[in-house]
PDB file of N, CA and C in Angstrom:
ATOM      1  N   MET A   1      36.128  28.173  51.466  1.00  0.00           N
ATOM      2  CA  MET A   1      36.477  29.016  50.320  1.00  0.00           C
ATOM      3  C   MET A   1      36.487  30.468  50.760  1.00  0.00           C
ATOM      4  N   ILE A   2      37.503  31.170  50.369  1.00  0.00           N
ATOM      5  CA  ILE A   2      37.621  32.589  50.686  1.00  0.00           C
ATOM      6  C   ILE A   2      36.817  33.372  49.665  1.00  0.00           C
ATOM      7  N   GLY A   3      36.024  34.311  50.162  1.00  0.00           N
ATOM      8  CA  GLY A   3      35.187  35.112  49.270  1.00  0.00           C
ATOM      9  C   GLY A   3      35.148  36.558  49.697  1.00  0.00           C
ATOM     10  N   GLY A   4      34.075  37.230  49.357  1.00  0.00           N
ATOM     11  CA  GLY A   4      33.975  38.648  49.589  1.00  0.00           C
ATOM     12  C   GLY A   4      33.242  39.039  50.846  1.00  0.00           C
ATOM     13  N   SER A   5      33.236  38.185  51.844  1.00  0.00           N
ATOM     14  CA  SER A   5      32.470  38.495  53.041  1.00  0.00           C
ATOM     15  C   SER A   5      33.300  39.281  54.057  1.00  0.00           C
ATOM     16  N   ASN A   6      32.624  39.743  55.082  1.00  0.00           N
ATOM     17  CA  ASN A   6      33.286  40.436  56.182  1.00  0.00           C
ATOM     18  C   ASN A   6      33.734  39.476  57.274  1.00  0.00           C
ATOM     19  N   ARG A   7      33.601  38.192  57.037  1.00  0.00           N
ATOM     20  CA  ARG A   7      34.004  37.190  58.031  1.00  0.00           C
ATOM     21  C   ARG A   7      35.467  37.397  58.393  1.00  0.00           C
ATOM     22  N   MET A   8      35.759  37.297  59.677  1.00  0.00           N
ATOM     23  CA  MET A   8      37.127  37.479  60.152  1.00  0.00           C
ATOM     24  C   MET A   8      37.798  36.120  60.312  1.00  0.00           C
ATOM     25  N   LEU A   9      39.025  36.032  59.824  1.00  0.00           N
ATOM     26  CA  LEU A   9      39.792  34.794  59.905  1.00  0.00           C
ATOM     27  C   LEU A   9      40.924  34.956  60.905  1.00  0.00           C
ATOM     28  N   SER A  10      41.154  33.941  61.674  1.00  0.00           N
ATOM     29  CA  SER A  10      42.303  33.918  62.579  1.00  0.00           C
ATOM     30  C   SER A  10      43.544  33.551  61.757  1.00  0.00           C
ATOM     31  N   PRO A  11      44.732  33.785  62.303  1.00  0.00           N
ATOM     32  CA  PRO A  11      45.944  33.343  61.598  1.00  0.00           C
ATOM     33  C   PRO A  11      45.945  31.840  61.308  1.00  0.00           C
ATOM     34  N   VAL A  12      45.368  31.062  62.210  1.00  0.00           N
ATOM     35  CA  VAL A  12      45.301  29.604  62.006  1.00  0.00           C
ATOM     36  C   VAL A  12      44.400  29.277  60.819  1.00  0.00           C
ATOM     37  N   GLU A  13      43.237  29.925  60.742  1.00  0.00           N
ATOM     38  CA  GLU A  13      42.317  29.688  59.621  1.00  0.00           C
ATOM     39  C   GLU A  13      42.944  30.143  58.303  1.00  0.00           C
ATOM     40  N   LEU A  14      43.599  31.291  58.321  1.00  0.00           N
ATOM     41  CA  LEU A  14      44.249  31.788  57.115  1.00  0.00           C
ATOM     42  C   LEU A  14      45.386  30.863  56.691  1.00  0.00           C
ATOM     43  N   ALA A  15      46.162  30.407  57.648  1.00  0.00           N
ATOM     44  CA  ALA A  15      47.264  29.489  57.349  1.00  0.00           C
ATOM     45  C   ALA A  15      46.742  28.202  56.724  1.00  0.00           C
ATOM     46  N   GLU A  16      45.650  27.691  57.254  1.00  0.00           N
ATOM     47  CA  GLU A  16      45.056  26.472  56.695  1.00  0.00           C
ATOM     48  C   GLU A  16      44.636  26.704  55.252  1.00  0.00           C
ATOM     49  N   PHE A  17      44.005  27.846  54.984  1.00  0.00           N
ATOM     50  CA  PHE A  17      43.571  28.157  53.629  1.00  0.00           C
ATOM     51  C   PHE A  17      44.760  28.297  52.684  1.00  0.00           C
ATOM     52  N   LEU A  18      45.840  28.944  53.146  1.00  0.00           N
ATOM     53  CA  LEU A  18      47.021  29.168  52.304  1.00  0.00           C
ATOM     54  C   LEU A  18      47.958  27.967  52.255  1.00  0.00           C
ATOM     55  N   SER A  19      47.674  26.945  53.044  1.00  0.00           N
ATOM     56  CA  SER A  19      48.516  25.744  53.148  1.00  0.00           C
ATOM     57  C   SER A  19      49.924  26.084  53.619  1.00  0.00           C
ATOM     58  N   VAL A  20      49.977  26.916  54.652  1.00  0.00           N
ATOM     59  CA  VAL A  20      51.248  27.243  55.302  1.00  0.00           C
ATOM     60  C   VAL A  20      51.059  27.065  56.804  1.00  0.00           C
ATOM     61  N   GLN A  21      52.146  27.123  57.531  1.00  0.00           N
ATOM     62  CA  GLN A  21      52.084  27.022  58.980  1.00  0.00           C
ATOM     63  C   GLN A  21      51.548  28.321  59.580  1.00  0.00           C
ATOM     64  N   PRO A  22      50.785  28.257  60.655  1.00  0.00           N
ATOM     65  CA  PRO A  22      50.289  29.475  61.305  1.00  0.00           C
ATOM     66  C   PRO A  22      51.410  30.442  61.663  1.00  0.00           C
ATOM     67  N   ARG A  23      52.539  29.920  62.046  1.00  0.00           N
ATOM     68  CA  ARG A  23      53.687  30.774  62.391  1.00  0.00           C
ATOM     69  C   ARG A  23      54.140  31.604  61.187  1.00  0.00           C
ATOM     70  N   THR A  24      54.038  31.032  59.993  1.00  0.00           N
ATOM     71  CA  THR A  24      54.411  31.758  58.772  1.00  0.00           C
ATOM     72  C   THR A  24      53.513  32.976  58.604  1.00  0.00           C
ATOM     73  N   VAL A  25      52.218  32.810  58.812  1.00  0.00           N
ATOM     74  CA  VAL A  25      51.287  33.939  58.727  1.00  0.00           C
ATOM     75  C   VAL A  25      51.643  34.973  59.784  1.00  0.00           C
ATOM     76  N   GLN A  26      51.867  34.532  61.011  1.00  0.00           N
ATOM     77  CA  GLN A  26      52.183  35.447  62.114  1.00  0.00           C
ATOM     78  C   GLN A  26      53.446  36.261  61.818  1.00  0.00           C
ATOM     79  N   GLN A  27      54.438  35.651  61.204  1.00  0.00           N
ATOM     80  CA  GLN A  27      55.714  36.312  60.965  1.00  0.00           C
ATOM     81  C   GLN A  27      55.728  37.186  59.719  1.00  0.00           C
ATOM     82  N   HIS A  28      54.894  36.888  58.721  1.00  0.00           N
ATOM     83  CA  HIS A  28      55.044  37.537  57.424  1.00  0.00           C
ATOM     84  C   HIS A  28      53.869  38.357  56.926  1.00  0.00           C
ATOM     85  N   TRP A  29      52.756  38.400  57.643  1.00  0.00           N
ATOM     86  CA  TRP A  29      51.573  39.077  57.104  1.00  0.00           C
ATOM     87  C   TRP A  29      51.850  40.534  56.765  1.00  0.00           C
ATOM     88  N   ARG A  30      52.666  41.214  57.540  1.00  0.00           N
ATOM     89  CA  ARG A  30      52.969  42.624  57.248  1.00  0.00           C
ATOM     90  C   ARG A  30      53.832  42.752  55.995  1.00  0.00           C
ATOM     91  N   THR A  31      54.870  41.939  55.888  1.00  0.00           N
ATOM     92  CA  THR A  31      55.756  42.028  54.723  1.00  0.00           C
ATOM     93  C   THR A  31      55.047  41.593  53.448  1.00  0.00           C
ATOM     94  N   TRP A  32      54.060  40.736  53.582  1.00  0.00           N
ATOM     95  CA  TRP A  32      53.247  40.337  52.425  1.00  0.00           C
ATOM     96  C   TRP A  32      52.305  41.448  51.991  1.00  0.00           C
ATOM     97  N   GLY A  33      52.100  42.448  52.849  1.00  0.00           N
ATOM     98  CA  GLY A  33      51.157  43.513  52.530  1.00  0.00           C
ATOM     99  C   GLY A  33      49.711  43.092  52.750  1.00  0.00           C
ATOM    100  N   LEU A  34      49.518  42.112  53.601  1.00  0.00           N
ATOM    101  CA  LEU A  34      48.175  41.602  53.877  1.00  0.00           C
ATOM    102  C   LEU A  34      47.535  42.440  54.975  1.00  0.00           C
ATOM    103  N   PRO A  35      46.389  43.068  54.706  1.00  0.00           N
ATOM    104  CA  PRO A  35      45.754  43.895  55.735  1.00  0.00           C
ATOM    105  C   PRO A  35      45.252  43.060  56.908  1.00  0.00           C
ATOM    106  N   GLY A  36      45.729  43.388  58.080  1.00  0.00           N
ATOM    107  CA  GLY A  36      45.286  42.720  59.291  1.00  0.00           C
ATOM    108  C   GLY A  36      44.649  43.721  60.232  1.00  0.00           C
ATOM    109  N   ILE A  37      43.799  43.226  61.094  1.00  0.00           N
ATOM    110  CA  ILE A  37      43.097  44.073  62.052  1.00  0.00           C
ATOM    111  C   ILE A  37      43.373  43.527  63.446  1.00  0.00           C
ATOM    112  N   LYS A  38      43.873  44.403  64.308  1.00  0.00           N
ATOM    113  CA  LYS A  38      44.106  43.995  65.691  1.00  0.00           C
ATOM    114  C   LYS A  38      42.785  44.060  66.451  1.00  0.00           C
ATOM    115  N   VAL A  39      42.453  42.967  67.100  1.00  0.00           N
ATOM    116  CA  VAL A  39      41.272  42.887  67.950  1.00  0.00           C
ATOM    117  C   VAL A  39      41.805  42.503  69.329  1.00  0.00           C
ATOM    118  N   GLY A  40      41.989  43.515  70.163  1.00  0.00           N
ATOM    119  CA  GLY A  40      42.654  43.268  71.435  1.00  0.00           C
ATOM    120  C   GLY A  40      44.088  42.868  71.163  1.00  0.00           C
ATOM    121  N   LYS A  41      44.500  41.750  71.698  1.00  0.00           N
ATOM    122  CA  LYS A  41      45.871  41.276  71.450  1.00  0.00           C
ATOM    123  C   LYS A  41      45.956  40.318  70.260  1.00  0.00           C
ATOM    124  N   TYR A  42      44.833  40.105  69.590  1.00  0.00           N
ATOM    125  CA  TYR A  42      44.773  39.156  68.488  1.00  0.00           C
ATOM    126  C   TYR A  42      44.763  39.868  67.135  1.00  0.00           C
ATOM    127  N   ILE A  43      45.263  39.191  66.124  1.00  0.00           N
ATOM    128  CA  ILE A  43      45.202  39.700  64.751  1.00  0.00           C
ATOM    129  C   ILE A  43      44.151  38.896  63.999  1.00  0.00           C
ATOM    130  N   ARG A  44      43.365  39.581  63.211  1.00  0.00           N
ATOM    131  CA  ARG A  44      42.350  38.936  62.389  1.00  0.00           C
ATOM    132  C   ARG A  44      42.438  39.493  60.977  1.00  0.00           C
ATOM    133  N   PHE A  45      41.988  38.695  60.022  1.00  0.00           N
ATOM    134  CA  PHE A  45      42.049  39.065  58.614  1.00  0.00           C
ATOM    135  C   PHE A  45      40.652  38.977  58.025  1.00  0.00           C
ATOM    136  N   ARG A  46      40.194  40.061  57.428  1.00  0.00           N
ATOM    137  CA  ARG A  46      38.864  40.071  56.813  1.00  0.00           C
ATOM    138  C   ARG A  46      38.932  39.247  55.532  1.00  0.00           C
ATOM    139  N   GLU A  47      37.978  38.344  55.383  1.00  0.00           N
ATOM    140  CA  GLU A  47      37.950  37.424  54.250  1.00  0.00           C
ATOM    141  C   GLU A  47      38.043  38.162  52.914  1.00  0.00           C
ATOM    142  N   ARG A  48      37.298  39.244  52.755  1.00  0.00           N
ATOM    143  CA  ARG A  48      37.316  39.972  51.480  1.00  0.00           C
ATOM    144  C   ARG A  48      38.676  40.613  51.218  1.00  0.00           C
ATOM    145  N   ASP A  49      39.387  41.039  52.276  1.00  0.00           N
ATOM    146  CA  ASP A  49      40.731  41.600  52.104  1.00  0.00           C
ATOM    147  C   ASP A  49      41.711  40.524  51.638  1.00  0.00           C
ATOM    148  N   VAL A  50      41.555  39.330  52.169  1.00  0.00           N
ATOM    149  CA  VAL A  50      42.412  38.212  51.756  1.00  0.00           C
ATOM    150  C   VAL A  50      42.162  37.879  50.289  1.00  0.00           C
ATOM    151  N   ALA A  51      40.893  37.851  49.870  1.00  0.00           N
ATOM    152  CA  ALA A  51      40.555  37.553  48.477  1.00  0.00           C
ATOM    153  C   ALA A  51      41.164  38.593  47.541  1.00  0.00           C
ATOM    154  N   LEU A  52      41.068  39.859  47.893  1.00  0.00           N
ATOM    155  CA  LEU A  52      41.640  40.935  47.080  1.00  0.00           C
ATOM    156  C   LEU A  52      43.158  40.837  47.047  1.00  0.00           C
ATOM    157  N   TRP A  53      43.764  40.571  48.179  1.00  0.00           N
ATOM    158  CA  TRP A  53      45.213  40.410  48.268  1.00  0.00           C
ATOM    159  C   TRP A  53      45.691  39.277  47.356  1.00  0.00           C
ATOM    160  N   LEU A  54      44.975  38.165  47.375  1.00  0.00           N
ATOM    161  CA  LEU A  54      45.339  37.037  46.513  1.00  0.00           C
ATOM    162  C   LEU A  54      45.190  37.388  45.027  1.00  0.00           C
ATOM    163  N   GLU A  55      44.122  38.095  44.675  1.00  0.00           N
ATOM    164  CA  GLU A  55      43.924  38.517  43.282  1.00  0.00           C
ATOM    165  C   GLU A  55      45.064  39.413  42.819  1.00  0.00           C
ATOM    166  N   ARG A  56      45.478  40.332  43.654  1.00  0.00           N
ATOM    167  CA  ARG A  56      46.575  41.249  43.300  1.00  0.00           C
ATOM    168  C   ARG A  56      47.885  40.505  43.139  1.00  0.00           C
ATOM    169  N   ARG A  57      48.139  39.542  44.021  1.00  0.00           N
ATOM    170  CA  ARG A  57      49.371  38.742  43.914  1.00  0.00           C
ATOM    171  C   ARG A  57      49.358  37.903  42.638  1.00  0.00           C
ATOM    172  N   GLU A  58      48.185  37.362  42.322  1.00  0.00           N
ATOM    173  CA  GLU A  58      48.046  36.554  41.114  1.00  0.00           C
ATOM    174  C   GLU A  58      48.287  37.407  39.872  1.00  0.00           C
ATOM    175  N   ALA A  59      47.727  38.627  39.855  1.00  0.00           N
ATOM    176  CA  ALA A  59      47.911  39.535  38.729  1.00  0.00           C
ATOM    177  C   ALA A  59      49.374  39.942  38.580  1.00  0.00           C
ATOM    178  N   ALA A  60      50.029  40.212  39.696  1.00  0.00           N
ATOM    179  CA  ALA A  60      51.451  40.587  39.659  1.00  0.00           C
ATOM    180  C   ALA A  60      52.298  39.428  39.141  1.00  0.00           C
ATOM    181  N   THR A  61      51.954  38.224  39.541  1.00  0.00           N
ATOM    182  CA  THR A  61      52.685  37.046  39.078  1.00  0.00           C
ATOM    183  C   THR A  61      52.479  36.855  37.577  1.00  0.00           C
ATOM    184  N   ALA A  62      51.266  37.061  37.103  1.00  0.00           N
ATOM    185  CA  ALA A  62      50.964  36.921  35.678  1.00  0.00           C
ATOM    186  C   ALA A  62      51.725  37.950  34.842  1.00  0.00           C
ATOM    187  N   ARG A  63      51.941  39.135  35.414  1.00  0.00           N
ATOM    188  CA  ARG A  63      52.699  40.183  34.710  1.00  0.00           C
ATOM    189  C   ARG A  63      54.192  39.963  34.814  1.00  0.00           C
ATOM    190  N   GLY A  64      54.595  39.001  35.650  1.00  0.00           N
ATOM    191  CA  GLY A  64      56.013  38.741  35.830  1.00  0.00           C
ATOM    192  C   GLY A  64      56.628  39.596  36.917  1.00  0.00           C
ATOM    193  N   GLY A  65      55.776  40.219  37.747  1.00  0.00           N
ATOM    194  CA  GLY A  65      56.256  41.068  38.826  1.00  0.00           C
ATOM    195  C   GLY A  65      56.516  40.279  40.083  1.00  0.00           C
ATOM    196  N   GLU A  66      56.802  41.034  41.131  1.00  0.00           N
ATOM    197  CA  GLU A  66      57.026  40.432  42.440  1.00  0.00           C
ATOM    198  C   GLU A  66      55.755  39.810  42.951  1.00  0.00           C
ATOM    199  N   SER A  67      55.891  38.704  43.683  1.00  0.00           N
ATOM    200  CA  SER A  67      54.710  38.057  44.261  1.00  0.00           C
ATOM    201  C   SER A  67      54.565  38.336  45.716  1.00  0.00           C
TER     202      SER A  67
END
């Protein structure tokens, strides 16, 4: 479960949580507006940032806005 922690998620872990392919995360995280952090050559996503991002997308969808 994604929550408000500082735990870092790999693209594979995030993809599993979102039920998408890891490649989808790798290709679209920037266009989705999802905050990512480069750690060396790797990208990681802070769990709390993902939770906030999902809440904002859900709110926008409820208002009839872009998702």
